[in-house]
Amino acid sequence: MGCFKEKTKSPHIPERLFSDATGFNSKTKIDYKNFGQYILGAVQRCGSAALKKKYGFFALRKVGECKAFNYLT
């Protein structure tokens, strides 16, 4: 677990699992008033979604966008 800055303008994280910002595969809205609680839930949902699809890694990008992958480049 950790944070990193992406080196490229188009990072290679192949599958978007959900996006709370756009509603892609998600009915959860970003709760800016309770952001700490929201983000903990988003991390848990993202990890669960990645595990369900048998991915080895997952990431939250931007605000509320969950992506998953099996390798680091």
N, C-alpha and C. Protein backbone atom coordinates (compact mmCIF):
# COMPACT_ATOMS: atom_id res chain seq x y z
N MET A 1 0.84 -1.16 0.00
CA MET A 1 0.00 0.00 0.00
C MET A 1 0.89 1.23 0.00
N GLY A 2 0.50 2.20 -0.77
CA GLY A 2 1.26 3.42 -0.80
C GLY A 2 0.78 4.34 -1.89
N CYS A 3 1.36 5.48 -1.96
CA CYS A 3 1.01 6.47 -2.97
C CYS A 3 2.19 6.64 -3.91
N PHE A 4 1.90 6.97 -5.14
CA PHE A 4 2.96 7.22 -6.09
C PHE A 4 2.48 8.20 -7.13
N LYS A 5 3.43 8.86 -7.75
CA LYS A 5 3.12 9.78 -8.83
C LYS A 5 3.39 9.06 -10.14
N GLU A 6 2.42 9.08 -11.02
CA GLU A 6 2.59 8.43 -12.31
C GLU A 6 3.55 9.22 -13.19
N LYS A 7 4.37 8.50 -13.93
CA LYS A 7 5.40 9.14 -14.75
C LYS A 7 4.90 9.53 -16.14
N THR A 8 3.83 8.93 -16.58
CA THR A 8 3.36 9.21 -17.94
C THR A 8 2.01 9.91 -17.91
N LYS A 9 1.67 10.51 -19.01
CA LYS A 9 0.37 11.17 -19.11
C LYS A 9 -0.75 10.16 -19.35
N SER A 10 -0.40 8.99 -19.87
CA SER A 10 -1.41 7.95 -20.08
C SER A 10 -0.94 6.66 -19.39
N PRO A 11 -1.19 6.54 -18.09
CA PRO A 11 -0.73 5.37 -17.35
C PRO A 11 -1.41 4.09 -17.82
N HIS A 12 -0.70 3.00 -17.66
CA HIS A 12 -1.20 1.71 -18.13
C HIS A 12 -1.80 0.91 -16.96
N ILE A 13 -3.00 1.29 -16.57
CA ILE A 13 -3.76 0.50 -15.62
C ILE A 13 -4.99 0.04 -16.39
N PRO A 14 -4.98 -1.22 -16.81
CA PRO A 14 -5.89 -1.66 -17.85
C PRO A 14 -7.39 -1.64 -17.57
N GLU A 15 -7.84 -2.02 -16.41
CA GLU A 15 -9.29 -2.13 -16.26
C GLU A 15 -9.84 -1.18 -15.21
N ARG A 16 -10.81 -0.40 -15.63
CA ARG A 16 -11.54 0.47 -14.70
C ARG A 16 -12.70 -0.36 -14.15
N LEU A 17 -12.75 -0.53 -12.85
CA LEU A 17 -13.80 -1.33 -12.23
C LEU A 17 -15.02 -0.50 -11.88
N PHE A 18 -14.79 0.72 -11.37
CA PHE A 18 -15.90 1.63 -11.12
C PHE A 18 -15.38 3.05 -10.97
N SER A 19 -16.30 3.99 -11.08
CA SER A 19 -15.97 5.40 -10.84
C SER A 19 -17.14 6.05 -10.11
N ASP A 20 -16.90 6.47 -8.88
CA ASP A 20 -17.93 7.17 -8.13
C ASP A 20 -18.15 8.57 -8.69
N ALA A 21 -17.14 9.13 -9.33
CA ALA A 21 -17.24 10.48 -9.89
C ALA A 21 -18.18 10.52 -11.09
N THR A 22 -18.14 9.48 -11.93
CA THR A 22 -18.95 9.48 -13.15
C THR A 22 -20.16 8.56 -13.06
N GLY A 23 -20.19 7.68 -12.06
CA GLY A 23 -21.28 6.72 -11.94
C GLY A 23 -21.04 5.43 -12.71
N PHE A 24 -19.86 5.27 -13.31
CA PHE A 24 -19.54 4.05 -14.04
C PHE A 24 -19.51 2.87 -13.07
N ASN A 25 -20.40 1.91 -13.23
CA ASN A 25 -20.51 0.72 -12.38
C ASN A 25 -20.64 1.06 -10.89
N SER A 26 -21.20 2.22 -10.57
CA SER A 26 -21.30 2.63 -9.16
C SER A 26 -22.54 3.47 -8.93
N LYS A 27 -23.18 3.22 -7.80
CA LYS A 27 -24.30 4.05 -7.36
C LYS A 27 -23.89 4.91 -6.16
N THR A 28 -22.62 4.79 -5.75
CA THR A 28 -22.11 5.55 -4.61
C THR A 28 -21.68 6.94 -5.06
N LYS A 29 -22.08 7.92 -4.32
CA LYS A 29 -21.69 9.31 -4.59
C LYS A 29 -20.53 9.68 -3.67
N ILE A 30 -19.66 10.53 -4.14
CA ILE A 30 -18.54 11.01 -3.33
C ILE A 30 -19.10 11.92 -2.23
N ASP A 31 -18.76 11.62 -1.00
CA ASP A 31 -19.25 12.38 0.15
C ASP A 31 -18.12 13.29 0.64
N TYR A 32 -18.10 14.50 0.14
CA TYR A 32 -17.03 15.43 0.50
C TYR A 32 -17.13 15.91 1.95
N LYS A 33 -18.33 15.88 2.52
CA LYS A 33 -18.51 16.31 3.91
C LYS A 33 -17.94 15.29 4.89
N ASN A 34 -17.96 14.02 4.51
CA ASN A 34 -17.42 12.93 5.32
C ASN A 34 -16.38 12.17 4.50
N PHE A 35 -15.42 12.93 3.94
CA PHE A 35 -14.50 12.35 2.97
C PHE A 35 -13.64 11.23 3.54
N GLY A 36 -13.19 11.36 4.78
CA GLY A 36 -12.37 10.30 5.38
C GLY A 36 -13.11 8.98 5.42
N GLN A 37 -14.36 9.03 5.82
CA GLN A 37 -15.19 7.82 5.87
C GLN A 37 -15.48 7.31 4.45
N TYR A 38 -15.77 8.24 3.53
CA TYR A 38 -16.03 7.86 2.15
C TYR A 38 -14.83 7.13 1.55
N ILE A 39 -13.62 7.69 1.71
CA ILE A 39 -12.45 7.13 1.05
C ILE A 39 -12.10 5.76 1.61
N LEU A 40 -12.30 5.55 2.91
CA LEU A 40 -12.08 4.22 3.47
C LEU A 40 -13.01 3.20 2.83
N GLY A 41 -14.25 3.58 2.65
CA GLY A 41 -15.21 2.69 1.98
C GLY A 41 -14.85 2.44 0.52
N ALA A 42 -14.35 3.49 -0.15
CA ALA A 42 -13.96 3.35 -1.55
C ALA A 42 -12.79 2.38 -1.69
N VAL A 43 -11.82 2.47 -0.78
CA VAL A 43 -10.68 1.55 -0.80
C VAL A 43 -11.16 0.11 -0.59
N GLN A 44 -12.06 -0.08 0.35
CA GLN A 44 -12.58 -1.43 0.62
C GLN A 44 -13.35 -1.97 -0.57
N ARG A 45 -14.19 -1.14 -1.18
CA ARG A 45 -14.96 -1.58 -2.35
C ARG A 45 -14.05 -1.88 -3.53
N CYS A 46 -13.02 -1.07 -3.72
CA CYS A 46 -12.09 -1.28 -4.82
C CYS A 46 -11.31 -2.58 -4.63
N GLY A 47 -10.81 -2.80 -3.42
CA GLY A 47 -10.09 -4.05 -3.13
C GLY A 47 -10.97 -5.27 -3.33
N SER A 48 -12.20 -5.19 -2.88
CA SER A 48 -13.14 -6.31 -3.04
C SER A 48 -13.45 -6.57 -4.51
N ALA A 49 -13.66 -5.48 -5.27
CA ALA A 49 -13.96 -5.62 -6.70
C ALA A 49 -12.77 -6.24 -7.45
N ALA A 50 -11.56 -5.83 -7.08
CA ALA A 50 -10.35 -6.39 -7.73
C ALA A 50 -10.18 -7.86 -7.36
N LEU A 51 -10.39 -8.19 -6.11
CA LEU A 51 -10.27 -9.58 -5.66
C LEU A 51 -11.29 -10.48 -6.36
N LYS A 52 -12.49 -9.98 -6.50
CA LYS A 52 -13.55 -10.74 -7.17
C LYS A 52 -13.17 -11.10 -8.60
N LYS A 53 -12.43 -10.20 -9.26
CA LYS A 53 -11.99 -10.45 -10.64
C LYS A 53 -10.58 -11.04 -10.71
N LYS A 54 -10.04 -11.41 -9.53
CA LYS A 54 -8.75 -12.08 -9.42
C LYS A 54 -7.56 -11.22 -9.87
N TYR A 55 -7.65 -9.91 -9.63
CA TYR A 55 -6.52 -9.02 -9.90
C TYR A 55 -5.60 -8.99 -8.70
N GLY A 56 -4.32 -8.80 -8.94
CA GLY A 56 -3.33 -8.76 -7.88
C GLY A 56 -3.12 -7.38 -7.28
N PHE A 57 -3.45 -6.33 -8.02
CA PHE A 57 -3.25 -4.96 -7.57
C PHE A 57 -4.48 -4.13 -7.90
N PHE A 58 -4.70 -3.11 -7.11
CA PHE A 58 -5.75 -2.15 -7.43
C PHE A 58 -5.29 -0.75 -7.05
N ALA A 59 -5.94 0.23 -7.62
CA ALA A 59 -5.58 1.62 -7.35
C ALA A 59 -6.81 2.49 -7.40
N LEU A 60 -6.82 3.51 -6.55
CA LEU A 60 -7.82 4.57 -6.66
C LEU A 60 -7.13 5.74 -7.33
N ARG A 61 -7.70 6.17 -8.43
CA ARG A 61 -7.14 7.29 -9.19
C ARG A 61 -8.14 8.42 -9.20
N LYS A 62 -7.60 9.59 -9.37
CA LYS A 62 -8.45 10.79 -9.35
C LYS A 62 -9.26 10.69 -8.07
N VAL A 63 -10.48 11.03 -8.04
CA VAL A 63 -11.29 10.83 -6.83
C VAL A 63 -12.36 9.80 -7.14
N GLY A 64 -12.24 8.64 -6.54
CA GLY A 64 -13.28 7.63 -6.64
C GLY A 64 -13.23 6.74 -7.86
N GLU A 65 -12.13 6.71 -8.59
CA GLU A 65 -12.02 5.83 -9.75
C GLU A 65 -11.15 4.62 -9.38
N CYS A 66 -11.75 3.45 -9.44
CA CYS A 66 -11.07 2.21 -9.07
C CYS A 66 -10.58 1.51 -10.33
N LYS A 67 -9.29 1.19 -10.34
CA LYS A 67 -8.70 0.45 -11.46
C LYS A 67 -7.95 -0.75 -10.90
N ALA A 68 -7.79 -1.78 -11.74
CA ALA A 68 -7.12 -3.00 -11.28
C ALA A 68 -6.22 -3.55 -12.37
N PHE A 69 -5.20 -4.32 -11.91
CA PHE A 69 -4.20 -4.86 -12.83
C PHE A 69 -3.47 -6.00 -12.16
N ASN A 70 -2.71 -6.76 -12.92
CA ASN A 70 -1.96 -7.91 -12.39
C ASN A 70 -0.47 -7.72 -12.40
N TYR A 71 0.03 -6.59 -12.83
CA TYR A 71 1.47 -6.38 -12.91
C TYR A 71 1.77 -4.90 -12.77
N LEU A 72 2.98 -4.61 -12.38
CA LEU A 72 3.43 -3.22 -12.31
C LEU A 72 4.39 -2.96 -13.46
N THR A 73 4.26 -1.81 -14.10
CA THR A 73 5.18 -1.48 -15.19
C THR A 73 6.10 -0.37 -14.77
